């Protein structure tokens, strides 16, 4: 049981050292991530449609 308390104490100590982002930084990063996910989804969707059409033409 002492090991658990020691571990939790060390975790608390380390978390106090962390530099947490501000709300504005966090929101900005989240927006960038959402935009990039959407862009890559469109790119991959387009590639999938193109390859599907190509395979469809090759088979028929």
PDB file of N, CA and C in Angstrom:
ATOM      1  N   UNK A   1       0.820  -1.190   0.000  1.00  0.00           N
ATOM      2  CA  UNK A   1       0.000   0.000   0.000  1.00  0.00           C
ATOM      3  C   UNK A   1       0.867   1.258   0.000  1.00  0.00           C
ATOM      4  N   UNK A   2       2.014   1.187   0.647  1.00  0.00           N
ATOM      5  CA  UNK A   2       2.910   2.339   0.676  1.00  0.00           C
ATOM      6  C   UNK A   2       3.459   2.667  -0.707  1.00  0.00           C
ATOM      7  N   UNK A   3       3.665   1.623  -1.527  1.00  0.00           N
ATOM      8  CA  UNK A   3       4.163   1.844  -2.881  1.00  0.00           C
ATOM      9  C   UNK A   3       3.148   2.626  -3.716  1.00  0.00           C
ATOM     10  N   UNK A   4       1.883   2.339  -3.522  1.00  0.00           N
ATOM     11  CA  UNK A   4       0.833   3.040  -4.264  1.00  0.00           C
ATOM     12  C   UNK A   4       0.823   4.518  -3.882  1.00  0.00           C
ATOM     13  N   UNK A   5       0.885   4.807  -2.587  1.00  0.00           N
ATOM     14  CA  UNK A   5       0.894   6.196  -2.138  1.00  0.00           C
ATOM     15  C   UNK A   5       2.147   6.926  -2.599  1.00  0.00           C
ATOM     16  N   UNK A   6       3.267   6.238  -2.599  1.00  0.00           N
ATOM     17  CA  UNK A   6       4.511   6.847  -3.075  1.00  0.00           C
ATOM     18  C   UNK A   6       4.410   7.165  -4.568  1.00  0.00           C
ATOM     19  N   UNK A   7       3.846   6.236  -5.320  1.00  0.00           N
ATOM     20  CA  UNK A   7       3.673   6.445  -6.758  1.00  0.00           C
ATOM     21  C   UNK A   7       2.767   7.648  -7.013  1.00  0.00           C
ATOM     22  N   UNK A   8       1.635   7.705  -6.328  1.00  0.00           N
ATOM     23  CA  UNK A   8       0.700   8.812  -6.517  1.00  0.00           C
ATOM     24  C   UNK A   8       1.318  10.143  -6.104  1.00  0.00           C
ATOM     25  N   UNK A   9       2.138  10.122  -5.079  1.00  0.00           N
ATOM     26  CA  UNK A   9       2.835  11.326  -4.659  1.00  0.00           C
ATOM     27  C   UNK A   9       3.811  11.793  -5.739  1.00  0.00           C
ATOM     28  N   UNK A  10       4.531  10.864  -6.345  1.00  0.00           N
ATOM     29  CA  UNK A  10       5.467  11.203  -7.417  1.00  0.00           C
ATOM     30  C   UNK A  10       4.725  11.722  -8.642  1.00  0.00           C
ATOM     31  N   UNK A  11       3.588  11.122  -8.947  1.00  0.00           N
ATOM     32  CA  UNK A  11       2.791  11.584 -10.082  1.00  0.00           C
ATOM     33  C   UNK A  11       2.329  13.019  -9.848  1.00  0.00           C
ATOM     34  N   UNK A  12       1.850  13.298  -8.654  1.00  0.00           N
ATOM     35  CA  UNK A  12       1.407  14.652  -8.313  1.00  0.00           C
ATOM     36  C   UNK A  12       2.553  15.645  -8.438  1.00  0.00           C
ATOM     37  N   UNK A  13       3.721  15.276  -7.984  1.00  0.00           N
ATOM     38  CA  UNK A  13       4.895  16.143  -8.071  1.00  0.00           C
ATOM     39  C   UNK A  13       5.244  16.438  -9.525  1.00  0.00           C
ATOM     40  N   UNK A  14       5.211  15.421 -10.364  1.00  0.00           N
ATOM     41  CA  UNK A  14       5.540  15.606 -11.779  1.00  0.00           C
ATOM     42  C   UNK A  14       4.484  16.448 -12.486  1.00  0.00           C
ATOM     43  N   UNK A  15       3.218  16.260 -12.142  1.00  0.00           N
ATOM     44  CA  UNK A  15       2.163  17.039 -12.791  1.00  0.00           C
ATOM     45  C   UNK A  15       2.262  18.522 -12.448  1.00  0.00           C
ATOM     46  N   UNK A  16       2.809  18.836 -11.317  1.00  0.00           N
ATOM     47  CA  UNK A  16       3.001  20.240 -10.950  1.00  0.00           C
ATOM     48  C   UNK A  16       4.076  20.901 -11.811  1.00  0.00           C
ATOM     49  N   UNK A  17       4.967  20.116 -12.387  1.00  0.00           N
ATOM     50  CA  UNK A  17       6.042  20.637 -13.227  1.00  0.00           C
ATOM     51  C   UNK A  17       5.589  20.896 -14.663  1.00  0.00           C
ATOM     52  N   UNK A  18       4.443  20.355 -15.038  1.00  0.00           N
ATOM     53  CA  UNK A  18       3.964  20.449 -16.414  1.00  0.00           C
ATOM     54  C   UNK A  18       3.515  21.874 -16.711  1.00  0.00           C
ATOM     55  N   UNK A  19       3.886  22.365 -17.893  1.00  0.00           N
ATOM     56  CA  UNK A  19       3.403  23.660 -18.359  1.00  0.00           C
ATOM     57  C   UNK A  19       2.165  23.404 -19.202  1.00  0.00           C
ATOM     58  N   UNK A  20       1.000  23.716 -18.652  1.00  0.00           N
ATOM     59  CA  UNK A  20      -0.254  23.452 -19.342  1.00  0.00           C
ATOM     60  C   UNK A  20      -0.548  24.586 -20.315  1.00  0.00           C
ATOM     61  N   UNK A  21      -1.141  24.270 -21.487  1.00  0.00           N
ATOM     62  CA  UNK A  21      -1.465  25.329 -22.444  1.00  0.00           C
ATOM     63  C   UNK A  21      -2.632  26.182 -21.943  1.00  0.00           C
ATOM     64  N   UNK A  22      -2.652  27.412 -22.424  1.00  0.00           N
ATOM     65  CA  UNK A  22      -3.778  28.284 -22.069  1.00  0.00           C
ATOM     66  C   UNK A  22      -5.005  27.840 -22.873  1.00  0.00           C
ATOM     67  N   UNK A  23      -6.157  28.363 -22.497  1.00  0.00           N
ATOM     68  CA  UNK A  23      -7.388  28.005 -23.204  1.00  0.00           C
ATOM     69  C   UNK A  23      -7.308  28.410 -24.677  1.00  0.00           C
ATOM     70  N   UNK A  24      -6.761  29.597 -24.950  1.00  0.00           N
ATOM     71  CA  UNK A  24      -6.644  30.063 -26.335  1.00  0.00           C
ATOM     72  C   UNK A  24      -5.727  29.162 -27.157  1.00  0.00           C
ATOM     73  N   UNK A  25      -4.607  28.751 -26.576  1.00  0.00           N
ATOM     74  CA  UNK A  25      -3.690  27.837 -27.278  1.00  0.00           C
ATOM     75  C   UNK A  25      -4.360  26.504 -27.552  1.00  0.00           C
ATOM     76  N   UNK A  26      -5.093  26.012 -26.583  1.00  0.00           N
ATOM     77  CA  UNK A  26      -5.768  24.725 -26.726  1.00  0.00           C
ATOM     78  C   UNK A  26      -6.842  24.773 -27.803  1.00  0.00           C
ATOM     79  N   UNK A  27      -7.629  25.840 -27.801  1.00  0.00           N
ATOM     80  CA  UNK A  27      -8.680  25.992 -28.812  1.00  0.00           C
ATOM     81  C   UNK A  27      -8.058  26.124 -30.199  1.00  0.00           C
ATOM     82  N   UNK A  28      -6.994  26.925 -30.312  1.00  0.00           N
ATOM     83  CA  UNK A  28      -6.312  27.085 -31.602  1.00  0.00           C
ATOM     84  C   UNK A  28      -5.762  25.771 -32.120  1.00  0.00           C
ATOM     85  N   UNK A  29      -5.146  25.001 -31.254  1.00  0.00           N
ATOM     86  CA  UNK A  29      -4.603  23.701 -31.660  1.00  0.00           C
ATOM     87  C   UNK A  29      -5.719  22.742 -32.066  1.00  0.00           C
ATOM     88  N   UNK A  30      -6.819  22.761 -31.339  1.00  0.00           N
ATOM     89  CA  UNK A  30      -7.938  21.873 -31.661  1.00  0.00           C
ATOM     90  C   UNK A  30      -8.536  22.220 -33.018  1.00  0.00           C
ATOM     91  N   UNK A  31      -8.630  23.525 -33.318  1.00  0.00           N
ATOM     92  CA  UNK A  31      -9.160  23.944 -34.625  1.00  0.00           C
ATOM     93  C   UNK A  31      -8.238  23.486 -35.746  1.00  0.00           C
ATOM     94  N   UNK A  32      -6.944  23.643 -35.563  1.00  0.00           N
ATOM     95  CA  UNK A  32      -5.980  23.209 -36.578  1.00  0.00           C
ATOM     96  C   UNK A  32      -6.087  21.706 -36.802  1.00  0.00           C
ATOM     97  N   UNK A  33      -6.192  20.938 -35.725  1.00  0.00           N
ATOM     98  CA  UNK A  33      -6.307  19.483 -35.847  1.00  0.00           C
ATOM     99  C   UNK A  33      -7.575  19.106 -36.601  1.00  0.00           C
ATOM    100  N   UNK A  34      -8.694  19.755 -36.279  1.00  0.00           N
ATOM    101  CA  UNK A  34      -9.955  19.454 -36.967  1.00  0.00           C
ATOM    102  C   UNK A  34      -9.873  19.779 -38.455  1.00  0.00           C
ATOM    103  N   UNK A  35      -9.252  20.908 -38.788  1.00  0.00           N
ATOM    104  CA  UNK A  35      -9.104  21.278 -40.200  1.00  0.00           C
ATOM    105  C   UNK A  35      -8.229  20.270 -40.930  1.00  0.00           C
ATOM    106  N   UNK A  36      -7.107  19.885 -40.332  1.00  0.00           N
ATOM    107  CA  UNK A  36      -6.215  18.917 -40.971  1.00  0.00           C
ATOM    108  C   UNK A  36      -6.879  17.554 -41.139  1.00  0.00           C
ATOM    109  N   UNK A  37      -7.654  17.132 -40.154  1.00  0.00           N
ATOM    110  CA  UNK A  37      -8.378  15.859 -40.264  1.00  0.00           C
ATOM    111  C   UNK A  37      -9.355  15.923 -41.433  1.00  0.00           C
ATOM    112  N   UNK A  38     -10.073  17.036 -41.570  1.00  0.00           N
ATOM    113  CA  UNK A  38     -11.027  17.183 -42.669  1.00  0.00           C
ATOM    114  C   UNK A  38     -10.314  17.178 -44.022  1.00  0.00           C
ATOM    115  N   UNK A  39      -9.192  17.876 -44.114  1.00  0.00           N
ATOM    116  CA  UNK A  39      -8.434  17.924 -45.372  1.00  0.00           C
ATOM    117  C   UNK A  39      -7.942  16.528 -45.761  1.00  0.00           C
ATOM    118  N   UNK A  40      -7.363  15.805 -44.808  1.00  0.00           N
ATOM    119  CA  UNK A  40      -6.869  14.472 -45.116  1.00  0.00           C
ATOM    120  C   UNK A  40      -8.006  13.507 -45.418  1.00  0.00           C
ATOM    121  N   UNK A  41      -9.168  13.684 -44.780  1.00  0.00           N
ATOM    122  CA  UNK A  41     -10.325  12.841 -45.079  1.00  0.00           C
ATOM    123  C   UNK A  41     -10.779  13.052 -46.517  1.00  0.00           C
ATOM    124  N   UNK A  42     -10.795  14.305 -46.965  1.00  0.00           N
ATOM    125  CA  UNK A  42     -11.182  14.600 -48.349  1.00  0.00           C
ATOM    126  C   UNK A  42     -10.162  14.004 -49.323  1.00  0.00           C
ATOM    127  N   UNK A  43      -8.881  14.172 -49.015  1.00  0.00           N
ATOM    128  CA  UNK A  43      -7.838  13.624 -49.893  1.00  0.00           C
ATOM    129  C   UNK A  43      -7.947  12.108 -49.976  1.00  0.00           C
ATOM    130  N   UNK A  44      -8.040  11.449 -48.830  1.00  0.00           N
ATOM    131  CA  UNK A  44      -8.127   9.987 -48.838  1.00  0.00           C
ATOM    132  C   UNK A  44      -9.427   9.502 -49.469  1.00  0.00           C
ATOM    133  N   UNK A  45     -10.518  10.216 -49.248  1.00  0.00           N
ATOM    134  CA  UNK A  45     -11.792   9.854 -49.883  1.00  0.00           C
ATOM    135  C   UNK A  45     -11.708   9.973 -51.392  1.00  0.00           C
ATOM    136  N   UNK A  46     -11.065  11.039 -51.864  1.00  0.00           N
ATOM    137  CA  UNK A  46     -10.874  11.208 -53.310  1.00  0.00           C
ATOM    138  C   UNK A  46     -10.006  10.122 -53.902  1.00  0.00           C
ATOM    139  N   UNK A  47      -8.935   9.779 -53.186  1.00  0.00           N
ATOM    140  CA  UNK A  47      -8.062   8.700 -53.673  1.00  0.00           C
ATOM    141  C   UNK A  47      -8.809   7.371 -53.705  1.00  0.00           C
ATOM    142  N   UNK A  48      -9.609   7.120 -52.688  1.00  0.00           N
ATOM    143  CA  UNK A  48     -10.387   5.888 -52.637  1.00  0.00           C
ATOM    144  C   UNK A  48     -11.370   5.827 -53.791  1.00  0.00           C
ATOM    145  N   UNK A  49     -12.062   6.928 -54.063  1.00  0.00           N
ATOM    146  CA  UNK A  49     -13.019   6.963 -55.171  1.00  0.00           C
ATOM    147  C   UNK A  49     -12.307   6.758 -56.507  1.00  0.00           C
ATOM    148  N   UNK A  50     -11.156   7.387 -56.683  1.00  0.00           N
ATOM    149  CA  UNK A  50     -10.403   7.251 -57.934  1.00  0.00           C
ATOM    150  C   UNK A  50      -9.927   5.820 -58.137  1.00  0.00           C
ATOM    151  N   UNK A  51      -9.365   5.222 -57.083  1.00  0.00           N
ATOM    152  CA  UNK A  51      -8.895   3.841 -57.214  1.00  0.00           C
ATOM    153  C   UNK A  51     -10.050   2.870 -57.408  1.00  0.00           C
ATOM    154  N   UNK A  52     -11.168   3.127 -56.759  1.00  0.00           N
ATOM    155  CA  UNK A  52     -12.337   2.270 -56.939  1.00  0.00           C
ATOM    156  C   UNK A  52     -12.840   2.346 -58.380  1.00  0.00           C
ATOM    157  N   UNK A  53     -12.875   3.560 -58.935  1.00  0.00           N
ATOM    158  CA  UNK A  53     -13.299   3.723 -60.316  1.00  0.00           C
ATOM    159  C   UNK A  53     -12.315   3.041 -61.261  1.00  0.00           C
ATOM    160  N   UNK A  54     -11.037   3.179 -61.002  1.00  0.00           N
ATOM    161  CA  UNK A  54     -10.016   2.548 -61.838  1.00  0.00           C
ATOM    162  C   UNK A  54     -10.152   1.026 -61.807  1.00  0.00           C
ATOM    163  N   UNK A  55     -10.307   0.469 -60.641  1.00  0.00           N
ATOM    164  CA  UNK A  55     -10.457  -0.990 -60.513  1.00  0.00           C
ATOM    165  C   UNK A  55     -11.762  -1.433 -61.184  1.00  0.00           C
ATOM    166  N   UNK A  56     -12.814  -0.623 -61.019  1.00  0.00           N
ATOM    167  CA  UNK A  56     -14.096  -0.956 -61.650  1.00  0.00           C
ATOM    168  C   UNK A  56     -13.978  -0.999 -63.162  1.00  0.00           C
ATOM    169  N   UNK A  57     -13.229  -0.061 -63.746  1.00  0.00           N
ATOM    170  CA  UNK A  57     -13.041  -0.044 -65.206  1.00  0.00           C
ATOM    171  C   UNK A  57     -12.154  -1.206 -65.644  1.00  0.00           C
ATOM    172  N   UNK A  58     -11.187  -1.571 -64.852  1.00  0.00           N
ATOM    173  CA  UNK A  58     -10.300  -2.684 -65.224  1.00  0.00           C
ATOM    174  C   UNK A  58     -11.024  -4.028 -65.158  1.00  0.00           C
ATOM    175  N   UNK A  59     -11.946  -4.162 -64.243  1.00  0.00           N
ATOM    176  CA  UNK A  59     -12.650  -5.438 -64.075  1.00  0.00           C
ATOM    177  C   UNK A  59     -13.706  -5.613 -65.162  1.00  0.00           C
ATOM    178  N   UNK A  60     -14.403  -4.538 -65.517  1.00  0.00           N
ATOM    179  CA  UNK A  60     -15.487  -4.664 -66.496  1.00  0.00           C
ATOM    180  C   UNK A  60     -15.008  -4.418 -67.862  1.00  0.00           C
TER     181      UNK A  60
END
